[in-house]
Every structure is written in structure tokens, then in C-alpha cells.
């Protein structure tokens, strides 16, 4: 129930959905003043969420800060890799894996393993039933890729029931507490998603160190056009960030973090 409710809230509360509803109201409202106000609000909101400077600043503020591997002074028993966008399941290729938009998580996990920072890798998350039946769920594809890179298959574990971050934490904790009690854990996920992920794992008794990956904020010198010209990439970045903010609020309200 929570899963489907969260998806509904996600749709209604998305920035472009709000812009759409405001524009729709501006067309249907009877009072001219109300129509004008709604139209102005829609335009202002659309400009704000398409402004590269503002969105980049918000991302830099929210995302967990980068961690250098040299700063990890201990070896962790398990690196917990959260799935979701790791692999491109829609790619027509059949004989090789294709990284998805969150594929940097896979690369960073591999680099951590090769650097001796983690002993085992636990990949958590589910895919569609069709992909799972075909053995092409993203957890398996990510594992196959790391095996090709030289990670022993026996060092990769799977949790393949979780559909959201709460379930990632719940189901992973069962495996970790059973197989690696009192172990040291390193949580690996996107920088924008790390706060909610770490909160969920802490809530179920897994107090893991964190290694953020897959950064979206930029620390480059901004150009004049970044302040003035609307950008579709900025809209995509803010929509992702807004989704995460809504998720954090909902998770706190229901006691998941």
C-alpha cells in the first residue's frame, strides 16, 4: 500500500505536475485575477526549476560530500550497493551489459573492492518480474559486470526483494546481521540519496559508514547563460532532487528514518 501511495504522491507533487495544474487552473478558473495569478506562478516556478545556477546550488547543498578512498582507514566487511538505475535494462544489446544512469555506483563499488576497502559486496534491490525470471535483473547484471572486471563471484551477495529504500534496509539488515554480525559496513549509493538511505539503515540497526557516488552537483565556473537561459537539464536535476526531498519528508513522517 505504501509503495503505490508513494508513487501517487510522487506524480502529484512533481514540479512539472504543479506547473501543469497551475496552467490548467489559469485556463479554467472563472475569475480573471485567479487565472492571471496562476499563470504567473507557473511561469515563475518553471523559470526557477530551469535555472542552472539555482539548481546546481541546491544540489551542492543537498548531496553528501565526496569521500576519498584514501580517507577510509579501515577495511569494511561488506559494501552495500543500492540498486536502481545501475544497468540499462532497455538497451537492445544481449551479449554485454550496459550501465544505466546510476552506473557510477557500480564503478565505485568495484574500485572500493579492488582497493581492498571492502571484503564482500551486497547488492540490494529488485527488478521487473520478467527480467528477474530471465536472470537479467540489474543486481545480477551489475554482479556479472564486476565479475568480468575481476571480482570473484563468491564475494558478491544478493538481496532481490526490495522495491524501495525502506525495504533495501530491512531486507539487507537480515542478511548482514545473520552472516556478518558485528561487522563493519559501507553504504554505497548516489550522493543525493545518501541521507535517506543512511537513515533507513540506521533505523533497522545497521550503522554503516557512507561512500557517496553518482554526483550531480557541479563545482565548475558558471557561465552567464547558467543564470539567464532556462535549461532542460536543470529541470531534470531539480525534479530528481524534489523527488528525494518529498521522499525524505514522507519517510520521516511514517518513521522509516
Protein backbone atom coordinates (compact mmCIF):
# COMPACT_ATOMS: atom_id res chain seq x y z
CA UNK A 1 0.00 0.00 0.00
CA UNK A 2 2.78 2.41 0.96
CA UNK A 3 4.60 1.64 -2.30
CA UNK A 4 1.65 2.63 -4.51
CA UNK A 5 0.73 5.62 -2.33
CA UNK A 6 4.27 6.96 -2.59
CA UNK A 7 4.12 6.68 -6.38
CA UNK A 8 0.86 8.64 -6.46
CA UNK A 9 2.29 11.38 -4.23
CA UNK A 10 5.38 11.43 -6.42
CA UNK A 11 3.31 12.17 -9.53
CA UNK A 12 1.08 14.83 -8.00
CA UNK A 13 3.89 16.68 -6.22
CA UNK A 14 6.44 16.76 -9.04
CA UNK A 15 7.44 20.29 -10.15
CA UNK A 16 6.23 19.88 -13.73
CA UNK A 17 2.96 18.42 -12.46
CA UNK A 18 2.48 21.52 -10.31
CA UNK A 19 3.23 23.74 -13.32
CA UNK A 20 0.69 21.77 -15.35
CA UNK A 21 -2.01 22.11 -12.69
CA UNK A 22 -1.36 25.85 -12.38
CA UNK A 23 -1.63 26.33 -16.14
CA UNK A 24 -4.77 24.22 -16.22
CA UNK A 25 -6.27 26.35 -13.46
CA UNK A 26 -5.32 29.51 -15.35
CA UNK A 27 -7.38 28.26 -18.29
CA UNK A 28 -10.40 27.03 -16.36
CA UNK A 29 -10.76 29.46 -13.45
CA UNK A 30 -13.70 31.84 -13.66
CA UNK A 31 -12.08 34.83 -12.00
CA UNK A 32 -9.64 36.74 -14.17
CA UNK A 33 -7.44 37.60 -11.19
CA UNK A 34 -7.15 33.93 -10.25
CA UNK A 35 -6.25 32.95 -13.81
CA UNK A 36 -3.57 35.62 -14.02
CA UNK A 37 -2.05 34.69 -10.65
CA UNK A 38 -1.92 31.01 -11.57
CA UNK A 39 -0.27 31.74 -14.91
CA UNK A 40 2.35 33.98 -13.29
CA UNK A 41 3.09 31.37 -10.62
CA UNK A 42 3.51 28.70 -13.31
CA UNK A 43 5.96 30.83 -15.30
CA UNK A 44 7.97 31.82 -12.21
CA UNK A 45 8.15 28.22 -10.97
CA UNK A 46 9.19 26.97 -14.40
CA UNK A 47 11.95 29.58 -14.59
CA UNK A 48 13.26 28.75 -11.11
CA UNK A 49 13.46 24.99 -11.71
CA UNK A 50 15.12 25.52 -15.10
CA UNK A 51 17.81 27.86 -13.77
CA UNK A 52 21.15 26.05 -13.83
CA UNK A 53 22.73 28.23 -11.14
CA UNK A 54 19.89 27.75 -8.64
CA UNK A 55 19.51 24.03 -9.26
CA UNK A 56 23.26 23.43 -9.10
CA UNK A 57 23.45 25.33 -5.81
CA UNK A 58 20.62 23.23 -4.37
CA UNK A 59 22.30 20.00 -5.47
CA UNK A 60 25.64 21.00 -3.96
CA UNK A 61 23.91 21.86 -0.69
CA UNK A 62 21.95 18.61 -0.51
CA UNK A 63 24.33 15.98 -1.82
CA UNK A 64 26.66 14.23 0.61
CA UNK A 65 30.23 15.40 0.19
CA UNK A 66 32.71 13.26 -1.77
CA UNK A 67 34.86 10.82 0.18
CA UNK A 68 38.37 9.94 -0.97
CA UNK A 69 39.25 6.27 -0.77
CA UNK A 70 42.47 7.23 0.97
CA UNK A 71 40.34 8.65 3.79
CA UNK A 72 38.85 5.21 4.52
CA UNK A 73 41.18 4.00 7.26
CA UNK A 74 39.54 0.61 7.90
CA UNK A 75 38.57 -2.35 5.75
CA UNK A 76 34.82 -2.95 5.73
CA UNK A 77 33.39 -6.44 5.87
CA UNK A 78 30.60 -5.59 3.43
CA UNK A 79 29.98 -2.84 0.93
CA UNK A 80 26.21 -2.48 0.49
CA UNK A 81 25.34 -1.30 -3.02
CA UNK A 82 21.82 0.04 -3.53
CA UNK A 83 20.41 -0.69 -6.97
CA UNK A 84 18.06 1.42 -9.06
CA UNK A 85 19.32 2.64 -12.41
CA UNK A 86 22.58 0.69 -12.20
CA UNK A 87 22.05 -1.01 -15.54
CA UNK A 88 20.17 -0.08 -18.71
CA UNK A 89 17.52 -2.78 -19.00
CA UNK A 90 16.03 -1.23 -22.13
CA UNK A 91 19.18 -1.49 -24.20
CA UNK A 92 18.78 -3.88 -27.15
CA UNK A 93 22.20 -5.45 -26.61
CA UNK A 94 22.00 -9.05 -25.43
CA UNK A 95 25.62 -10.15 -25.18
CA UNK A 96 27.04 -7.45 -22.91
CA UNK A 97 25.98 -5.27 -20.01
CA UNK A 98 25.14 -1.58 -20.42
CA UNK A 99 25.47 0.76 -17.45
CA UNK A 100 22.43 2.84 -16.55
CA UNK A 101 22.18 6.45 -15.43
CA UNK A 102 23.24 5.49 -11.88
CA UNK A 103 26.04 3.24 -13.15
CA UNK A 104 28.73 5.16 -11.28
CA UNK A 105 27.61 3.29 -8.17
CA UNK A 106 28.78 0.04 -9.79
CA UNK A 107 32.14 1.51 -10.77
CA UNK A 108 32.80 2.99 -7.33
CA UNK A 109 31.88 -0.29 -5.64
CA UNK A 110 34.30 -2.14 -7.89
CA UNK A 111 37.08 0.38 -7.19
CA UNK A 112 36.48 0.07 -3.45
CA UNK A 113 36.78 -3.70 -3.69
CA UNK A 114 39.95 -3.60 -5.79
CA UNK A 115 41.47 -1.07 -3.38
CA UNK A 116 40.88 -3.50 -0.51
CA UNK A 117 38.41 -1.22 1.24
CA UNK A 118 35.57 -3.79 1.23
CA UNK A 119 35.76 -7.58 1.50
CA UNK A 120 32.30 -8.50 0.23
CA UNK A 121 29.66 -6.79 -1.90
CA UNK A 122 25.93 -6.97 -1.15
CA UNK A 123 23.75 -5.68 -4.00
CA UNK A 124 20.21 -4.90 -2.87
CA UNK A 125 17.11 -4.24 -4.95
CA UNK A 126 14.58 -5.82 -7.26
CA UNK A 127 13.81 -5.53 -10.98
CA UNK A 128 10.72 -6.34 -13.02
CA UNK A 129 9.48 -9.92 -12.74
CA UNK A 130 10.23 -10.53 -16.43
CA UNK A 131 13.87 -9.52 -16.06
CA UNK A 132 14.23 -11.48 -12.84
CA UNK A 133 12.89 -14.64 -14.49
CA UNK A 134 15.32 -14.21 -17.37
CA UNK A 135 18.19 -13.76 -14.94
CA UNK A 136 18.67 -10.20 -16.21
CA UNK A 137 17.70 -8.23 -13.12
CA UNK A 138 20.04 -5.30 -12.59
CA UNK A 139 21.56 -6.81 -9.46
CA UNK A 140 22.67 -9.83 -11.50
CA UNK A 141 23.82 -7.74 -14.43
CA UNK A 142 25.85 -5.48 -12.16
CA UNK A 143 27.38 -8.54 -10.49
CA UNK A 144 28.21 -10.14 -13.85
CA UNK A 145 29.97 -6.96 -14.92
CA UNK A 146 32.06 -6.83 -11.75
CA UNK A 147 32.95 -10.50 -12.17
CA UNK A 148 34.20 -9.69 -15.68
CA UNK A 149 36.31 -6.95 -14.11
CA UNK A 150 37.89 -9.48 -11.76
CA UNK A 151 35.73 -9.64 -8.63
CA UNK A 152 35.27 -13.29 -7.52
CA UNK A 153 31.62 -14.32 -7.85
CA UNK A 154 31.74 -15.74 -4.33
CA UNK A 155 32.38 -12.28 -2.91
CA UNK A 156 29.09 -10.89 -4.26
CA UNK A 157 25.84 -11.38 -2.34
CA UNK A 158 22.29 -10.55 -3.39
CA UNK A 159 19.12 -9.19 -1.83
CA UNK A 160 16.47 -9.15 -4.57
CA UNK A 161 13.14 -8.40 -2.90
CA UNK A 162 13.45 -4.71 -2.01
CA UNK A 163 11.32 -2.25 -4.01
CA UNK A 164 12.28 0.93 -2.17
CA UNK A 165 14.87 2.32 0.22
CA UNK A 166 13.00 1.18 3.32
CA UNK A 167 12.95 -2.40 2.03
CA UNK A 168 16.60 -2.14 0.96
CA UNK A 169 17.45 -1.51 4.59
CA UNK A 170 15.04 -4.06 6.09
CA UNK A 171 15.98 -7.00 3.88
CA UNK A 172 19.69 -6.20 3.82
CA UNK A 173 19.80 -5.98 7.60
CA UNK A 174 18.56 -9.57 7.86
CA UNK A 175 21.46 -10.78 5.72
CA UNK A 176 24.05 -8.60 7.41
CA UNK A 177 23.02 -9.49 10.96
CA UNK A 178 22.92 -13.20 10.13
CA UNK A 179 26.11 -13.55 8.08
CA UNK A 180 28.21 -10.64 9.33
CA UNK A 181 27.19 -9.90 12.92
CA UNK A 182 29.21 -7.08 14.46
CA UNK A 183 30.73 -6.46 11.04
CA UNK A 184 31.76 -3.12 9.58
CA UNK A 185 29.56 -1.94 6.72
CA UNK A 186 29.98 0.66 4.00
CA UNK A 187 26.86 2.03 2.31
CA UNK A 188 27.23 2.95 -1.38
CA UNK A 189 24.55 4.92 -3.20
CA UNK A 190 24.02 8.19 -5.06
CA UNK A 191 25.11 11.31 -3.20
CA UNK A 192 21.63 12.86 -3.44
CA UNK A 193 20.08 9.69 -1.97
CA UNK A 194 22.57 9.08 0.84
CA UNK A 195 20.75 10.93 3.65
CA UNK A 196 17.57 8.90 3.30
CA UNK A 197 19.47 5.65 2.73
CA UNK A 198 21.69 6.05 5.78
CA UNK A 199 18.65 6.99 7.87
CA UNK A 200 16.75 3.88 6.81
CA UNK A 201 19.67 1.58 7.58
CA UNK A 202 20.28 3.22 10.96
CA UNK A 203 16.58 2.77 11.77
CA UNK A 204 16.90 -1.02 11.39
CA UNK A 205 20.10 -1.16 13.42
CA UNK A 206 22.70 -1.01 10.65
CA UNK A 207 25.01 1.91 11.39
CA UNK A 208 27.11 1.99 8.25
CA UNK A 209 29.81 4.33 7.07
CA UNK A 210 28.88 6.06 3.84
CA UNK A 211 30.52 6.37 0.44
CA UNK A 212 28.50 8.62 -1.88
CA UNK A 213 28.74 8.13 -5.65
CA UNK A 214 26.92 9.38 -8.75
CA UNK A 215 27.18 13.13 -8.14
CA UNK A 216 25.00 15.65 -9.98
CA UNK A 217 26.06 18.95 -8.48
CA UNK A 218 28.86 20.79 -10.27
CA UNK A 219 31.74 22.79 -8.86
CA UNK A 220 32.77 24.37 -12.15
CA UNK A 221 32.86 28.07 -13.01
CA UNK A 222 29.37 29.12 -14.00
CA UNK A 223 28.69 30.92 -17.26
CA UNK A 224 26.37 33.88 -17.79
CA UNK A 225 23.87 31.65 -19.58
CA UNK A 226 23.60 29.47 -16.46
CA UNK A 227 21.98 32.42 -14.69
CA UNK A 228 19.72 33.51 -17.54
CA UNK A 229 18.91 30.74 -20.02
CA UNK A 230 16.41 28.02 -18.98
CA UNK A 231 17.86 24.52 -19.22
CA UNK A 232 16.02 21.19 -19.59
CA UNK A 233 18.91 19.52 -17.75
CA UNK A 234 18.25 21.79 -14.78
CA UNK A 235 14.57 20.78 -14.80
CA UNK A 236 15.59 17.11 -14.76
CA UNK A 237 18.07 17.71 -11.94
CA UNK A 238 15.58 19.61 -9.81
CA UNK A 239 12.84 17.04 -10.42
CA UNK A 240 15.21 14.35 -9.13
CA UNK A 241 16.11 16.48 -6.12
CA UNK A 242 12.48 17.39 -5.40
CA UNK A 243 11.53 13.70 -5.55
CA UNK A 244 14.22 12.99 -2.97
CA UNK A 245 13.05 15.81 -0.69
CA UNK A 246 9.47 14.54 -0.81
CA UNK A 247 10.73 11.03 -0.09
CA UNK A 248 12.68 12.25 2.93
CA UNK A 249 9.66 14.05 4.34
CA UNK A 250 7.36 11.06 3.84
CA UNK A 251 9.88 8.64 5.33
CA UNK A 252 10.29 10.82 8.42
CA UNK A 253 6.52 11.16 8.85
CA UNK A 254 5.97 7.39 8.77
CA UNK A 255 9.02 6.66 10.95
CA UNK A 256 11.26 5.00 8.38
CA UNK A 257 14.22 7.29 9.13
